[in-house]
N, C-alpha and C. Protein backbone atom coordinates (compact mmCIF):
# COMPACT_ATOMS: atom_id res chain seq x y z
N MET A 1 0.82 -1.19 0.00
CA MET A 1 0.00 0.00 0.00
C MET A 1 0.87 1.26 0.00
N LEU A 2 1.90 1.28 0.84
CA LEU A 2 2.75 2.46 0.91
C LEU A 2 3.54 2.64 -0.38
N TRP A 3 3.99 1.55 -0.97
CA TRP A 3 4.76 1.64 -2.21
C TRP A 3 3.95 2.33 -3.30
N SER A 4 2.66 2.10 -3.35
CA SER A 4 1.83 2.74 -4.39
C SER A 4 1.83 4.25 -4.23
N LYS A 5 2.11 4.75 -3.04
CA LYS A 5 2.16 6.20 -2.79
C LYS A 5 3.56 6.78 -2.98
N LEU A 6 4.60 5.95 -2.82
CA LEU A 6 5.97 6.43 -2.92
C LEU A 6 6.55 6.32 -4.33
N ARG A 7 6.05 5.39 -5.11
CA ARG A 7 6.63 5.16 -6.43
C ARG A 7 6.33 6.29 -7.41
N ASP A 8 7.07 6.31 -8.47
CA ASP A 8 6.85 7.28 -9.56
C ASP A 8 6.97 8.74 -9.11
N ARG A 9 7.85 8.98 -8.14
CA ARG A 9 8.15 10.36 -7.69
C ARG A 9 6.90 11.13 -7.23
N GLN A 10 6.00 10.44 -6.58
CA GLN A 10 4.76 11.07 -6.12
C GLN A 10 4.94 11.92 -4.87
N VAL A 11 6.00 11.69 -4.11
CA VAL A 11 6.22 12.43 -2.87
C VAL A 11 7.41 13.38 -3.08
N GLU A 12 7.13 14.66 -3.07
CA GLU A 12 8.15 15.70 -3.22
C GLU A 12 8.96 15.56 -4.51
N GLY A 13 8.43 14.82 -5.49
CA GLY A 13 9.11 14.65 -6.76
C GLY A 13 10.39 13.83 -6.68
N LEU A 14 10.55 13.07 -5.59
CA LEU A 14 11.78 12.31 -5.35
C LEU A 14 11.57 10.82 -5.58
N LYS A 15 12.63 10.17 -6.04
CA LYS A 15 12.57 8.75 -6.36
C LYS A 15 12.84 7.91 -5.12
N PHE A 16 12.00 6.91 -4.94
CA PHE A 16 12.20 5.91 -3.90
C PHE A 16 12.51 4.57 -4.55
N ARG A 17 13.30 3.78 -3.87
CA ARG A 17 13.54 2.39 -4.23
C ARG A 17 12.94 1.54 -3.12
N ARG A 18 12.51 0.35 -3.47
CA ARG A 18 12.05 -0.55 -2.41
C ARG A 18 12.97 -1.75 -2.33
N GLN A 19 13.06 -2.33 -1.14
CA GLN A 19 13.93 -3.47 -0.89
C GLN A 19 15.34 -3.19 -1.38
N HIS A 20 15.93 -2.13 -0.83
CA HIS A 20 17.25 -1.67 -1.26
C HIS A 20 18.30 -2.04 -0.22
N ALA A 21 19.39 -2.65 -0.68
CA ALA A 21 20.47 -3.08 0.22
C ALA A 21 21.31 -1.89 0.68
N ILE A 22 21.54 -1.85 1.98
CA ILE A 22 22.49 -0.91 2.59
C ILE A 22 23.37 -1.77 3.48
N GLY A 23 24.56 -2.04 2.99
CA GLY A 23 25.42 -2.99 3.70
C GLY A 23 24.72 -4.33 3.77
N PRO A 24 24.69 -4.96 4.95
CA PRO A 24 24.06 -6.28 5.07
C PRO A 24 22.55 -6.21 5.26
N TYR A 25 21.99 -5.02 5.28
CA TYR A 25 20.56 -4.85 5.56
C TYR A 25 19.79 -4.51 4.29
N ILE A 26 18.52 -4.88 4.29
CA ILE A 26 17.61 -4.52 3.20
C ILE A 26 16.60 -3.53 3.77
N ALA A 27 16.66 -2.30 3.25
CA ALA A 27 15.71 -1.27 3.68
C ALA A 27 14.40 -1.46 2.94
N ASP A 28 13.29 -1.25 3.63
CA ASP A 28 11.99 -1.37 2.96
C ASP A 28 11.89 -0.38 1.81
N PHE A 29 12.16 0.90 2.10
CA PHE A 29 12.11 1.96 1.09
C PHE A 29 13.25 2.92 1.36
N VAL A 30 13.85 3.45 0.29
CA VAL A 30 14.93 4.42 0.47
C VAL A 30 14.86 5.47 -0.63
N CYS A 31 15.10 6.71 -0.22
CA CYS A 31 15.29 7.81 -1.15
C CYS A 31 16.77 8.14 -1.09
N LEU A 32 17.53 7.74 -2.10
CA LEU A 32 18.98 7.95 -2.09
C LEU A 32 19.33 9.43 -2.14
N GLU A 33 18.56 10.20 -2.89
CA GLU A 33 18.87 11.63 -3.03
C GLU A 33 18.85 12.35 -1.69
N ARG A 34 17.93 11.98 -0.82
CA ARG A 34 17.83 12.62 0.50
C ARG A 34 18.34 11.72 1.62
N ARG A 35 18.85 10.55 1.26
CA ARG A 35 19.43 9.61 2.24
C ARG A 35 18.42 9.31 3.36
N LEU A 36 17.19 9.01 2.94
CA LEU A 36 16.11 8.71 3.89
C LEU A 36 15.66 7.27 3.70
N VAL A 37 15.62 6.53 4.81
CA VAL A 37 15.15 5.15 4.82
C VAL A 37 13.82 5.12 5.55
N VAL A 38 12.84 4.45 4.96
CA VAL A 38 11.53 4.26 5.57
C VAL A 38 11.36 2.77 5.84
N GLU A 39 11.15 2.44 7.10
CA GLU A 39 10.94 1.06 7.51
C GLU A 39 9.50 0.90 7.98
N VAL A 40 8.88 -0.20 7.58
CA VAL A 40 7.52 -0.53 8.02
C VAL A 40 7.61 -1.82 8.81
N ASP A 41 7.24 -1.74 10.08
CA ASP A 41 7.43 -2.84 11.01
C ASP A 41 6.11 -3.49 11.39
N GLY A 42 6.13 -4.81 11.44
CA GLY A 42 4.99 -5.57 11.95
C GLY A 42 5.13 -5.80 13.43
N GLY A 43 4.19 -6.47 14.02
CA GLY A 43 4.18 -6.72 15.46
C GLY A 43 5.40 -7.46 15.96
N GLN A 44 6.01 -8.29 15.13
CA GLN A 44 7.19 -9.05 15.55
C GLN A 44 8.35 -8.13 15.91
N HIS A 45 8.35 -6.91 15.40
CA HIS A 45 9.46 -6.00 15.68
C HIS A 45 9.46 -5.51 17.13
N ALA A 46 8.33 -5.57 17.80
CA ALA A 46 8.30 -5.18 19.21
C ALA A 46 9.18 -6.12 20.03
N GLU A 47 9.34 -7.36 19.56
CA GLU A 47 10.12 -8.35 20.28
C GLU A 47 11.62 -8.26 19.97
N VAL A 48 11.98 -7.57 18.91
CA VAL A 48 13.39 -7.49 18.50
C VAL A 48 13.85 -6.04 18.41
N ALA A 49 13.42 -5.23 19.37
CA ALA A 49 13.74 -3.80 19.35
C ALA A 49 15.24 -3.55 19.36
N ALA A 50 15.99 -4.33 20.11
CA ALA A 50 17.45 -4.13 20.17
C ALA A 50 18.08 -4.38 18.81
N ARG A 51 17.62 -5.41 18.11
CA ARG A 51 18.16 -5.70 16.78
C ARG A 51 17.81 -4.57 15.81
N ASP A 52 16.59 -4.06 15.88
CA ASP A 52 16.18 -2.94 15.02
C ASP A 52 17.01 -1.69 15.33
N ALA A 53 17.32 -1.47 16.61
CA ALA A 53 18.13 -0.31 16.99
C ALA A 53 19.54 -0.43 16.40
N ALA A 54 20.11 -1.63 16.45
CA ALA A 54 21.45 -1.84 15.88
C ALA A 54 21.42 -1.64 14.36
N ARG A 55 20.37 -2.12 13.73
CA ARG A 55 20.20 -1.96 12.29
C ARG A 55 20.11 -0.48 11.94
N SER A 56 19.27 0.25 12.67
CA SER A 56 19.11 1.70 12.42
C SER A 56 20.43 2.43 12.66
N ALA A 57 21.18 2.04 13.68
CA ALA A 57 22.46 2.68 13.96
C ALA A 57 23.45 2.45 12.82
N PHE A 58 23.50 1.24 12.29
CA PHE A 58 24.39 0.94 11.16
C PHE A 58 24.01 1.81 9.96
N ILE A 59 22.73 1.86 9.66
CA ILE A 59 22.26 2.63 8.51
C ILE A 59 22.58 4.11 8.71
N ALA A 60 22.37 4.62 9.92
CA ALA A 60 22.68 6.03 10.23
C ALA A 60 24.17 6.31 10.09
N GLU A 61 25.01 5.37 10.50
CA GLU A 61 26.46 5.54 10.37
C GLU A 61 26.88 5.69 8.91
N HIS A 62 26.03 5.24 8.01
CA HIS A 62 26.32 5.33 6.58
C HIS A 62 25.57 6.49 5.93
N GLY A 63 25.17 7.46 6.76
CA GLY A 63 24.64 8.71 6.24
C GLY A 63 23.16 8.76 5.97
N PHE A 64 22.42 7.77 6.41
CA PHE A 64 20.98 7.74 6.18
C PHE A 64 20.23 8.09 7.45
N HIS A 65 19.06 8.68 7.29
CA HIS A 65 18.14 8.92 8.39
C HIS A 65 17.04 7.87 8.27
N VAL A 66 16.71 7.22 9.38
CA VAL A 66 15.71 6.15 9.37
C VAL A 66 14.45 6.62 10.08
N ILE A 67 13.30 6.44 9.41
CA ILE A 67 12.02 6.64 10.09
C ILE A 67 11.24 5.33 10.01
N ARG A 68 10.52 5.04 11.08
CA ARG A 68 9.80 3.76 11.19
C ARG A 68 8.32 4.00 11.42
N PHE A 69 7.53 3.11 10.84
CA PHE A 69 6.09 3.12 11.03
C PHE A 69 5.63 1.69 11.28
N TRP A 70 4.57 1.54 12.06
CA TRP A 70 3.96 0.23 12.25
C TRP A 70 3.08 -0.09 11.05
N ASN A 71 2.98 -1.37 10.72
CA ASN A 71 2.09 -1.80 9.63
C ASN A 71 0.69 -1.23 9.81
N SER A 72 0.18 -1.31 11.02
CA SER A 72 -1.19 -0.84 11.29
C SER A 72 -1.33 0.65 11.01
N GLU A 73 -0.29 1.40 11.30
CA GLU A 73 -0.31 2.84 11.03
C GLU A 73 -0.39 3.11 9.53
N VAL A 74 0.36 2.35 8.75
CA VAL A 74 0.33 2.51 7.30
C VAL A 74 -1.05 2.16 6.77
N LEU A 75 -1.64 1.09 7.27
CA LEU A 75 -2.96 0.66 6.80
C LEU A 75 -4.07 1.60 7.22
N GLU A 76 -4.01 2.11 8.44
CA GLU A 76 -5.09 2.93 8.97
C GLU A 76 -4.95 4.41 8.66
N ASN A 77 -3.73 4.87 8.38
CA ASN A 77 -3.49 6.30 8.19
C ASN A 77 -2.43 6.53 7.11
N THR A 78 -2.66 5.96 5.95
CA THR A 78 -1.67 6.04 4.88
C THR A 78 -1.34 7.49 4.54
N ARG A 79 -2.34 8.34 4.44
CA ARG A 79 -2.11 9.74 4.09
C ARG A 79 -1.22 10.42 5.14
N GLY A 80 -1.47 10.15 6.41
CA GLY A 80 -0.66 10.73 7.47
C GLY A 80 0.78 10.25 7.42
N VAL A 81 0.98 8.97 7.11
CA VAL A 81 2.33 8.41 6.98
C VAL A 81 3.05 9.09 5.81
N VAL A 82 2.38 9.22 4.69
CA VAL A 82 2.99 9.87 3.52
C VAL A 82 3.33 11.32 3.85
N ASP A 83 2.47 11.99 4.58
CA ASP A 83 2.76 13.38 4.98
C ASP A 83 4.00 13.45 5.87
N GLU A 84 4.15 12.50 6.79
CA GLU A 84 5.35 12.47 7.64
C GLU A 84 6.61 12.20 6.83
N ILE A 85 6.50 11.34 5.83
CA ILE A 85 7.64 11.06 4.96
C ILE A 85 7.99 12.32 4.17
N ALA A 86 6.99 13.02 3.65
CA ALA A 86 7.23 14.26 2.91
C ALA A 86 7.91 15.29 3.81
N ASP A 87 7.46 15.41 5.06
CA ASP A 87 8.11 16.34 6.00
C ASP A 87 9.57 15.96 6.21
N ALA A 88 9.85 14.67 6.39
CA ALA A 88 11.22 14.22 6.61
C ALA A 88 12.09 14.50 5.37
N LEU A 89 11.52 14.35 4.19
CA LEU A 89 12.27 14.64 2.96
C LEU A 89 12.61 16.12 2.87
N ARG A 90 11.67 16.98 3.25
CA ARG A 90 11.91 18.42 3.19
C ARG A 90 12.99 18.85 4.19
N GLU A 91 13.12 18.12 5.29
CA GLU A 91 14.12 18.44 6.31
C GLU A 91 15.52 17.96 5.94
N ARG A 92 15.61 17.04 4.98
CA ARG A 92 16.90 16.45 4.61
C ARG A 92 17.49 17.18 3.42
N PRO A 93 18.74 17.56 3.48
CA PRO A 93 19.36 18.19 2.31
C PRO A 93 19.60 17.16 1.21
N SER A 94 19.70 17.63 -0.01
CA SER A 94 20.05 16.73 -1.11
C SER A 94 21.46 16.22 -0.89
N ALA A 95 21.63 14.93 -1.09
CA ALA A 95 22.95 14.31 -0.95
C ALA A 95 23.70 14.47 -2.26
N PRO A 96 25.02 14.56 -2.19
CA PRO A 96 25.78 14.54 -3.44
C PRO A 96 25.50 13.23 -4.16
N HIS A 97 25.73 13.20 -5.45
CA HIS A 97 25.46 11.99 -6.23
C HIS A 97 26.19 10.81 -5.61
N VAL A 98 25.45 9.74 -5.39
CA VAL A 98 26.02 8.53 -4.82
C VAL A 98 25.71 7.39 -5.78
N SER A 99 26.73 6.69 -6.20
CA SER A 99 26.49 5.56 -7.09
C SER A 99 25.80 4.46 -6.31
N ARG A 100 25.10 3.61 -7.01
CA ARG A 100 24.41 2.49 -6.36
C ARG A 100 25.42 1.62 -5.61
N ARG A 101 26.57 1.43 -6.18
CA ARG A 101 27.59 0.60 -5.54
C ARG A 101 27.99 1.19 -4.19
N CYS A 102 28.19 2.49 -4.13
CA CYS A 102 28.58 3.13 -2.87
C CYS A 102 27.47 3.02 -1.84
N ALA A 103 26.22 3.13 -2.29
CA ALA A 103 25.10 3.06 -1.36
C ALA A 103 24.95 1.65 -0.80
N ASP A 104 25.38 0.64 -1.56
CA ASP A 104 25.23 -0.74 -1.13
C ASP A 104 26.36 -1.25 -0.27
N THR A 105 27.50 -0.59 -0.35
CA THR A 105 28.70 -1.11 0.29
C THR A 105 29.05 -0.30 1.53
N PRO A 106 29.26 -0.94 2.67
CA PRO A 106 29.67 -0.20 3.86
C PRO A 106 31.03 0.45 3.64
N THR A 107 31.20 1.63 4.25
CA THR A 107 32.48 2.33 4.14
C THR A 107 33.31 2.12 5.37
């Protein structure tokens, strides 16, 4: 559901990728230009909060900002989630051009 709102540059005119590798992790959605990662978590993530925190820290160390939403939030308030993503994009400066290889490989 969220992908249908993020694809085709519908949010702030920026391109998102889905299931994008950042080091050993696969981000649900990423905007490389603004270095923003959007994660959508199901109920199982409440049980693995420490693992998610380590994942977010790794991604942040590589220059990305991570925002997380619960599955239920996306389903019940898709417009609000998209608005929050748009706000986060506006707060992030444009990143210098980054090749796909650099974005995938830890530094």
